[in-house]
PDB file of N, CA and C in Angstrom:
ATOM      1  N   MET A   1      28.361  24.663-216.511  1.00  0.00           N
ATOM      2  CA  MET A   1      28.209  24.152-217.849  1.00  0.00           C
ATOM      3  C   MET A   1      29.348  23.188-218.202  1.00  0.00           C
ATOM      4  N   GLN A   2      30.562  23.530-217.752  1.00  0.00           N
ATOM      5  CA  GLN A   2      31.722  22.688-218.042  1.00  0.00           C
ATOM      6  C   GLN A   2      31.540  21.284-217.476  1.00  0.00           C
ATOM      7  N   GLY A   3      30.946  21.179-216.285  1.00  0.00           N
ATOM      8  CA  GLY A   3      30.724  19.874-215.674  1.00  0.00           C
ATOM      9  C   GLY A   3      29.826  18.986-216.511  1.00  0.00           C
ATOM     10  N   LYS A   4      28.805  19.581-217.118  1.00  0.00           N
ATOM     11  CA  LYS A   4      27.899  18.810-217.965  1.00  0.00           C
ATOM     12  C   LYS A   4      28.616  18.304-219.210  1.00  0.00           C
ATOM     13  N   MET A   5      29.489  19.121-219.776  1.00  0.00           N
ATOM     14  CA  MET A   5      30.243  18.682-220.949  1.00  0.00           C
ATOM     15  C   MET A   5      31.177  17.536-220.583  1.00  0.00           C
ATOM     16  N   ASP A   6      31.821  17.654-219.434  1.00  0.00           N
ATOM     17  CA  ASP A   6      32.708  16.590-218.993  1.00  0.00           C
ATOM     18  C   ASP A   6      31.941  15.281-218.823  1.00  0.00           C
ATOM     19  N   GLU A   7      30.762  15.364-218.254  1.00  0.00           N
ATOM     20  CA  GLU A   7      29.948  14.170-218.048  1.00  0.00           C
ATOM     21  C   GLU A   7      29.489  13.587-219.388  1.00  0.00           C
ATOM     22  N   LYS A   8      29.163  14.443-220.347  1.00  0.00           N
ATOM     23  CA  LYS A   8      28.766  13.969-221.669  1.00  0.00           C
ATOM     24  C   LYS A   8      29.931  13.264-222.355  1.00  0.00           C
ATOM     25  N   GLU A   9      31.108  13.858-222.242  1.00  0.00           N
ATOM     26  CA  GLU A   9      32.302  13.229-222.815  1.00  0.00           C
ATOM     27  C   GLU A   9      32.560  11.880-222.155  1.00  0.00           C
ATOM     28  N   ARG A  10      32.406  11.854-220.858  1.00  0.00           N
ATOM     29  CA  ARG A  10      32.626  10.609-220.122  1.00  0.00           C
ATOM     30  C   ARG A  10      31.612   9.549-220.547  1.00  0.00           C
ATOM     31  N   LEU A  11      30.361   9.962-220.693  1.00  0.00           N
ATOM     32  CA  LEU A  11      29.327   9.032-221.154  1.00  0.00           C
ATOM     33  C   LEU A  11      29.682   8.459-222.526  1.00  0.00           C
ATOM     34  N   SER A  12      30.156   9.310-223.411  1.00  0.00           N
ATOM     35  CA  SER A  12      30.546   8.866-224.742  1.00  0.00           C
ATOM     36  C   SER A  12      31.654   7.814-224.669  1.00  0.00           C
ATOM     37  N   VAL A  13      32.636   8.072-223.827  1.00  0.00           N
ATOM     38  CA  VAL A  13      33.749   7.138-223.674  1.00  0.00           C
ATOM     39  C   VAL A  13      33.272   5.820-223.062  1.00  0.00           C
ATOM     40  N   VAL A  14      32.461   5.913-222.041  1.00  0.00           N
ATOM     41  CA  VAL A  14      31.965   4.708-221.363  1.00  0.00           C
ATOM     42  C   VAL A  14      31.127   3.856-222.307  1.00  0.00           C
ATOM     43  N   ILE A  15      30.220   4.489-223.035  1.00  0.00           N
ATOM     44  CA  ILE A  15      29.369   3.730-223.959  1.00  0.00           C
ATOM     45  C   ILE A  15      30.220   3.101-225.060  1.00  0.00           C
ATOM     46  N   GLY A  16      31.208   3.844-225.554  1.00  0.00           N
ATOM     47  CA  GLY A  16      32.120   3.274-226.549  1.00  0.00           C
ATOM     48  C   GLY A  16      32.841   2.047-226.008  1.00  0.00           C
ATOM     49  N   HIS A  17      33.259   2.125-224.764  1.00  0.00           N
ATOM     50  CA  HIS A  17      33.917   0.989-224.113  1.00  0.00           C
ATOM     51  C   HIS A  17      32.974  -0.200-224.007  1.00  0.00           C
ATOM     52  N   TRP A  18      31.727   0.052-223.619  1.00  0.00           N
ATOM     53  CA  TRP A  18      30.748  -1.042-223.520  1.00  0.00           C
ATOM     54  C   TRP A  18      30.572  -1.733-224.865  1.00  0.00           C
ATOM     55  N   ILE A  19      30.496  -0.961-225.927  1.00  0.00           N
ATOM     56  CA  ILE A  19      30.318  -1.533-227.268  1.00  0.00           C
ATOM     57  C   ILE A  19      31.501  -2.434-227.612  1.00  0.00           C
ATOM     58  N   GLU A  20      32.705  -1.930-227.401  1.00  0.00           N
ATOM     59  CA  GLU A  20      33.903  -2.732-227.686  1.00  0.00           C
ATOM     60  C   GLU A  20      33.942  -3.987-226.823  1.00  0.00           C
ATOM     61  N   HIS A  21      33.591  -3.831-225.570  1.00  0.00           N
ATOM     62  CA  HIS A  21      33.578  -4.965-224.639  1.00  0.00           C
ATOM     63  C   HIS A  21      32.584  -6.029-225.111  1.00  0.00           C
ATOM     64  N   ASN A  22      31.396  -5.583-225.507  1.00  0.00           N
ATOM     65  CA  ASN A  22      30.388  -6.519-226.001  1.00  0.00           C
ATOM     66  C   ASN A  22      30.860  -7.234-227.264  1.00  0.00           C
ATOM     67  N   GLU A  23      31.513  -6.485-228.168  1.00  0.00           N
ATOM     68  CA  GLU A  23      32.015  -7.096-229.396  1.00  0.00           C
ATOM     69  C   GLU A  23      33.049  -8.169-229.095  1.00  0.00           C
ATOM     70  N   SER A  24      33.881  -7.916-228.111  1.00  0.00           N
ATOM     71  CA  SER A  24      34.868  -8.905-227.690  1.00  0.00           C
ATOM     72  C   SER A  24      34.178 -10.160-227.173  1.00  0.00           C
ATOM     73  N   HIS A  25      33.148  -9.971-226.366  1.00  0.00           N
ATOM     74  CA  HIS A  25      32.397 -11.115-225.852  1.00  0.00           C
ATOM     75  C   HIS A  25      31.711 -11.875-226.983  1.00  0.00           C
ATOM     76  N   MET A  26      31.136 -11.149-227.934  1.00  0.00           N
ATOM     77  CA  MET A  26      30.447 -11.819-229.038  1.00  0.00           C
ATOM     78  C   MET A  26      31.400 -12.718-229.818  1.00  0.00           C
ATOM     79  N   ALA A  27      32.622 -12.269-230.035  1.00  0.00           N
ATOM     80  CA  ALA A  27      33.613 -13.082-230.742  1.00  0.00           C
ATOM     81  C   ALA A  27      33.920 -14.352-229.959  1.00  0.00           C
ATOM     82  N   GLU A  28      34.067 -14.209-228.666  1.00  0.00           N
ATOM     83  CA  GLU A  28      34.350 -15.375-227.820  1.00  0.00           C
ATOM     84  C   GLU A  28      33.149 -16.320-227.788  1.00  0.00           C
ATOM     85  N   TYR A  29      31.942 -15.773-227.678  1.00  0.00           N
ATOM     86  CA  TYR A  29      30.737 -16.602-227.681  1.00  0.00           C
ATOM     87  C   TYR A  29      30.630 -17.384-228.982  1.00  0.00           C
ATOM     88  N   GLN A  30      30.987 -16.745-230.094  1.00  0.00           N
ATOM     89  CA  GLN A  30      30.896 -17.425-231.385  1.00  0.00           C
ATOM     90  C   GLN A  30      31.823 -18.632-231.431  1.00  0.00           C
ATOM     91  N   LYS A  31      33.026 -18.488-230.889  1.00  0.00           N
ATOM     92  CA  LYS A  31      33.962 -19.616-230.838  1.00  0.00           C
ATOM     93  C   LYS A  31      33.347 -20.783-230.079  1.00  0.00           C
ATOM     94  N   TRP A  32      32.708 -20.463-228.953  1.00  0.00           N
ATOM     95  CA  TRP A  32      32.132 -21.521-228.132  1.00  0.00           C
ATOM     96  C   TRP A  32      30.867 -22.100-228.760  1.00  0.00           C
ATOM     97  N   ALA A  33      30.134 -21.297-229.479  1.00  0.00           N
ATOM     98  CA  ALA A  33      28.967 -21.820-230.201  1.00  0.00           C
ATOM     99  C   ALA A  33      29.426 -22.837-231.236  1.00  0.00           C
ATOM    100  N   GLU A  34      30.508 -22.527-231.935  1.00  0.00           N
ATOM    101  CA  GLU A  34      31.041 -23.452-232.924  1.00  0.00           C
ATOM    102  C   GLU A  34      31.519 -24.741-232.276  1.00  0.00           C
ATOM    103  N   LYS A  35      32.168 -24.615-231.124  1.00  0.00           N
ATOM    104  CA  LYS A  35      32.619 -25.810-230.402  1.00  0.00           C
ATOM    105  C   LYS A  35      31.426 -26.665-229.977  1.00  0.00           C
ATOM    106  N   ALA A  36      30.372 -26.011-229.495  1.00  0.00           N
ATOM    107  CA  ALA A  36      29.171 -26.752-229.101  1.00  0.00           C
ATOM    108  C   ALA A  36      28.596 -27.487-230.306  1.00  0.00           C
ATOM    109  N   GLY A  37      28.572 -26.830-231.455  1.00  0.00           N
ATOM    110  CA  GLY A  37      28.086 -27.469-232.672  1.00  0.00           C
ATOM    111  C   GLY A  37      28.935 -28.664-233.053  1.00  0.00           C
ATOM    112  N   GLN A  38      30.251 -28.542-232.937  1.00  0.00           N
ATOM    113  CA  GLN A  38      31.158 -29.648-233.257  1.00  0.00           C
ATOM    114  C   GLN A  38      30.949 -30.833-232.326  1.00  0.00           C
ATOM    115  N   LEU A  39      30.499 -30.548-231.123  1.00  0.00           N
ATOM    116  CA  LEU A  39      30.231 -31.604-230.142  1.00  0.00           C
ATOM    117  C   LEU A  39      28.825 -32.181-230.274  1.00  0.00           C
ATOM    118  N   GLY A  40      28.078 -31.692-231.253  1.00  0.00           N
ATOM    119  CA  GLY A  40      26.717 -32.181-231.457  1.00  0.00           C
ATOM    120  C   GLY A  40      25.714 -31.577-230.486  1.00  0.00           C
ATOM    121  N   LEU A  41      26.083 -30.485-229.858  1.00  0.00           N
ATOM    122  CA  LEU A  41      25.210 -29.834-228.875  1.00  0.00           C
ATOM    123  C   LEU A  41      24.455 -28.688-229.557  1.00  0.00           C
ATOM    124  N   GLU A  42      23.617 -29.038-230.504  1.00  0.00           N
ATOM    125  CA  GLU A  42      22.909 -28.040-231.300  1.00  0.00           C
ATOM    126  C   GLU A  42      22.024 -27.111-230.465  1.00  0.00           C
ATOM    127  N   PRO A  43      21.269 -27.648-229.475  1.00  0.00           N
ATOM    128  CA  PRO A  43      20.462 -26.720-228.659  1.00  0.00           C
ATOM    129  C   PRO A  43      21.337 -25.692-227.925  1.00  0.00           C
ATOM    130  N   MET A  44      22.477 -26.137-227.412  1.00  0.00           N
ATOM    131  CA  MET A  44      23.383 -25.216-226.727  1.00  0.00           C
ATOM    132  C   MET A  44      23.914 -24.188-227.722  1.00  0.00           C
ATOM    133  N   LYS A  45      24.313 -24.648-228.899  1.00  0.00           N
ATOM    134  CA  LYS A  45      24.806 -23.747-229.930  1.00  0.00           C
ATOM    135  C   LYS A  45      23.755 -22.688-230.261  1.00  0.00           C
ATOM    136  N   ALA A  46      22.510 -23.114-230.401  1.00  0.00           N
ATOM    137  CA  ALA A  46      21.424 -22.189-230.733  1.00  0.00           C
ATOM    138  C   ALA A  46      21.224 -21.144-229.631  1.00  0.00           C
ATOM    139  N   HIS A  47      21.326 -21.564-228.382  1.00  0.00           N
ATOM    140  CA  HIS A  47      21.161 -20.625-227.265  1.00  0.00           C
ATOM    141  C   HIS A  47      22.310 -19.615-227.227  1.00  0.00           C
ATOM    142  N   ILE A  48      23.521 -20.083-227.482  1.00  0.00           N
ATOM    143  CA  ILE A  48      24.658 -19.169-227.496  1.00  0.00           C
ATOM    144  C   ILE A  48      24.510 -18.177-228.642  1.00  0.00           C
ATOM    145  N   GLN A  49      24.063 -18.667-229.802  1.00  0.00           N
ATOM    146  CA  GLN A  49      23.860 -17.772-230.936  1.00  0.00           C
ATOM    147  C   GLN A  49      22.759 -16.751-230.647  1.00  0.00           C
ATOM    148  N   LYS A  50      21.738 -17.149-229.916  1.00  0.00           N
ATOM    149  CA  LYS A  50      20.694 -16.209-229.518  1.00  0.00           C
ATOM    150  C   LYS A  50      21.274 -15.136-228.592  1.00  0.00           C
ATOM    151  N   ALA A  51      22.167 -15.552-227.696  1.00  0.00           N
ATOM    152  CA  ALA A  51      22.825 -14.581-226.811  1.00  0.00           C
ATOM    153  C   ALA A  51      23.643 -13.590-227.630  1.00  0.00           C
ATOM    154  N   ILE A  52      24.298 -14.067-228.686  1.00  0.00           N
ATOM    155  CA  ILE A  52      25.070 -13.191-229.563  1.00  0.00           C
ATOM    156  C   ILE A  52      24.145 -12.188-230.239  1.00  0.00           C
ATOM    157  N   GLU A  53      23.013 -12.663-230.725  1.00  0.00           N
ATOM    158  CA  GLU A  53      22.033 -11.771-231.366  1.00  0.00           C
ATOM    159  C   GLU A  53      21.543 -10.709-230.376  1.00  0.00           C
ATOM    160  N   ASN A  54      21.269 -11.130-229.150  1.00  0.00           N
ATOM    161  CA  ASN A  54      20.803 -10.184-228.128  1.00  0.00           C
ATOM    162  C   ASN A  54      21.860  -9.133-227.812  1.00  0.00           C
ATOM    163  N   LEU A  55      23.111  -9.566-227.730  1.00  0.00           N
ATOM    164  CA  LEU A  55      24.189  -8.626-227.452  1.00  0.00           C
ATOM    165  C   LEU A  55      24.382  -7.671-228.625  1.00  0.00           C
ATOM    166  N   ASN A  56      24.198  -8.170-229.833  1.00  0.00           N
ATOM    167  CA  ASN A  56      24.272  -7.305-231.004  1.00  0.00           C
ATOM    168  C   ASN A  56      23.168  -6.247-230.954  1.00  0.00           C
ATOM    169  N   GLN A  57      21.969  -6.644-230.555  1.00  0.00           N
ATOM    170  CA  GLN A  57      20.877  -5.678-230.416  1.00  0.00           C
ATOM    171  C   GLN A  57      21.205  -4.649-229.345  1.00  0.00           C
ATOM    172  N   CYS A  58      21.818  -5.098-228.285  1.00  0.00           N
ATOM    173  CA  CYS A  58      22.258  -4.184-227.220  1.00  0.00           C
ATOM    174  C   CYS A  58      23.226  -3.156-227.797  1.00  0.00           C
ATOM    175  N   ASN A  59      24.181  -3.619-228.595  1.00  0.00           N
ATOM    176  CA  ASN A  59      25.145  -2.690-229.192  1.00  0.00           C
ATOM    177  C   ASN A  59      24.470  -1.706-230.127  1.00  0.00           C
ATOM    178  N   LEU A  60      23.467  -2.157-230.874  1.00  0.00           N
ATOM    179  CA  LEU A  60      22.751  -1.235-231.753  1.00  0.00           C
ATOM    180  C   LEU A  60      22.078  -0.132-230.929  1.00  0.00           C
ATOM    181  N   SER A  61      21.505  -0.506-229.800  1.00  0.00           N
ATOM    182  CA  SER A  61      20.875   0.487-228.920  1.00  0.00           C
ATOM    183  C   SER A  61      21.921   1.442-228.342  1.00  0.00           C
ATOM    184  N   LEU A  62      23.063   0.917-227.961  1.00  0.00           N
ATOM    185  CA  LEU A  62      24.132   1.755-227.416  1.00  0.00           C
ATOM    186  C   LEU A  62      24.645   2.722-228.486  1.00  0.00           C
ATOM    187  N   LYS A  63      24.746   2.255-229.715  1.00  0.00           N
ATOM    188  CA  LYS A  63      25.197   3.130-230.814  1.00  0.00           C
ATOM    189  C   LYS A  63      24.169   4.246-231.056  1.00  0.00           C
ATOM    190  N   GLU A  64      22.915   3.919-230.947  1.00  0.00           N
ATOM    191  CA  GLU A  64      21.877   4.943-231.073  1.00  0.00           C
ATOM    192  C   GLU A  64      21.971   5.950-229.929  1.00  0.00           C
ATOM    193  N   ALA A  65      22.294   5.449-228.745  1.00  0.00           N
ATOM    194  CA  ALA A  65      22.473   6.341-227.598  1.00  0.00           C
ATOM    195  C   ALA A  65      23.621   7.308-227.868  1.00  0.00           C
ATOM    196  N   LEU A  66      24.704   6.819-228.452  1.00  0.00           N
ATOM    197  CA  LEU A  66      25.820   7.705-228.784  1.00  0.00           C
ATOM    198  C   LEU A  66      25.421   8.779-229.784  1.00  0.00           C
ATOM    199  N   LYS A  67      24.617   8.390-230.744  1.00  0.00           N
ATOM    200  CA  LYS A  67      24.161   9.359-231.747  1.00  0.00           C
ATOM    201  C   LYS A  67      23.338  10.479-231.118  1.00  0.00           C
ATOM    202  N   SER A  68      22.676  10.186-230.014  1.00  0.00           N
ATOM    203  CA  SER A  68      21.798  11.169-229.392  1.00  0.00           C
ATOM    204  C   SER A  68      22.555  12.176-228.515  1.00  0.00           C
ATOM    205  N   LEU A  69      23.837  11.960-228.327  1.00  0.00           N
ATOM    206  CA  LEU A  69      24.628  12.914-227.521  1.00  0.00           C
ATOM    207  C   LEU A  69      24.839  14.219-228.258  1.00  0.00           C
TER     208      LEU A  69
END
């Protein structure tokens, strides 16, 4: 039984790390989306922003996974 608890704790830590990691990437992507916009690269900016939205959805799913532990 102890092994299962350890694995659950580890899963919680790992998923928390993934969420933080994704948030860090989203911040960096936003900077580059803004730079693309400043360069007049609107299609590129839109694609980067879509990637940010997708990563945000990923984080929402990961947060739901944490709630289910």
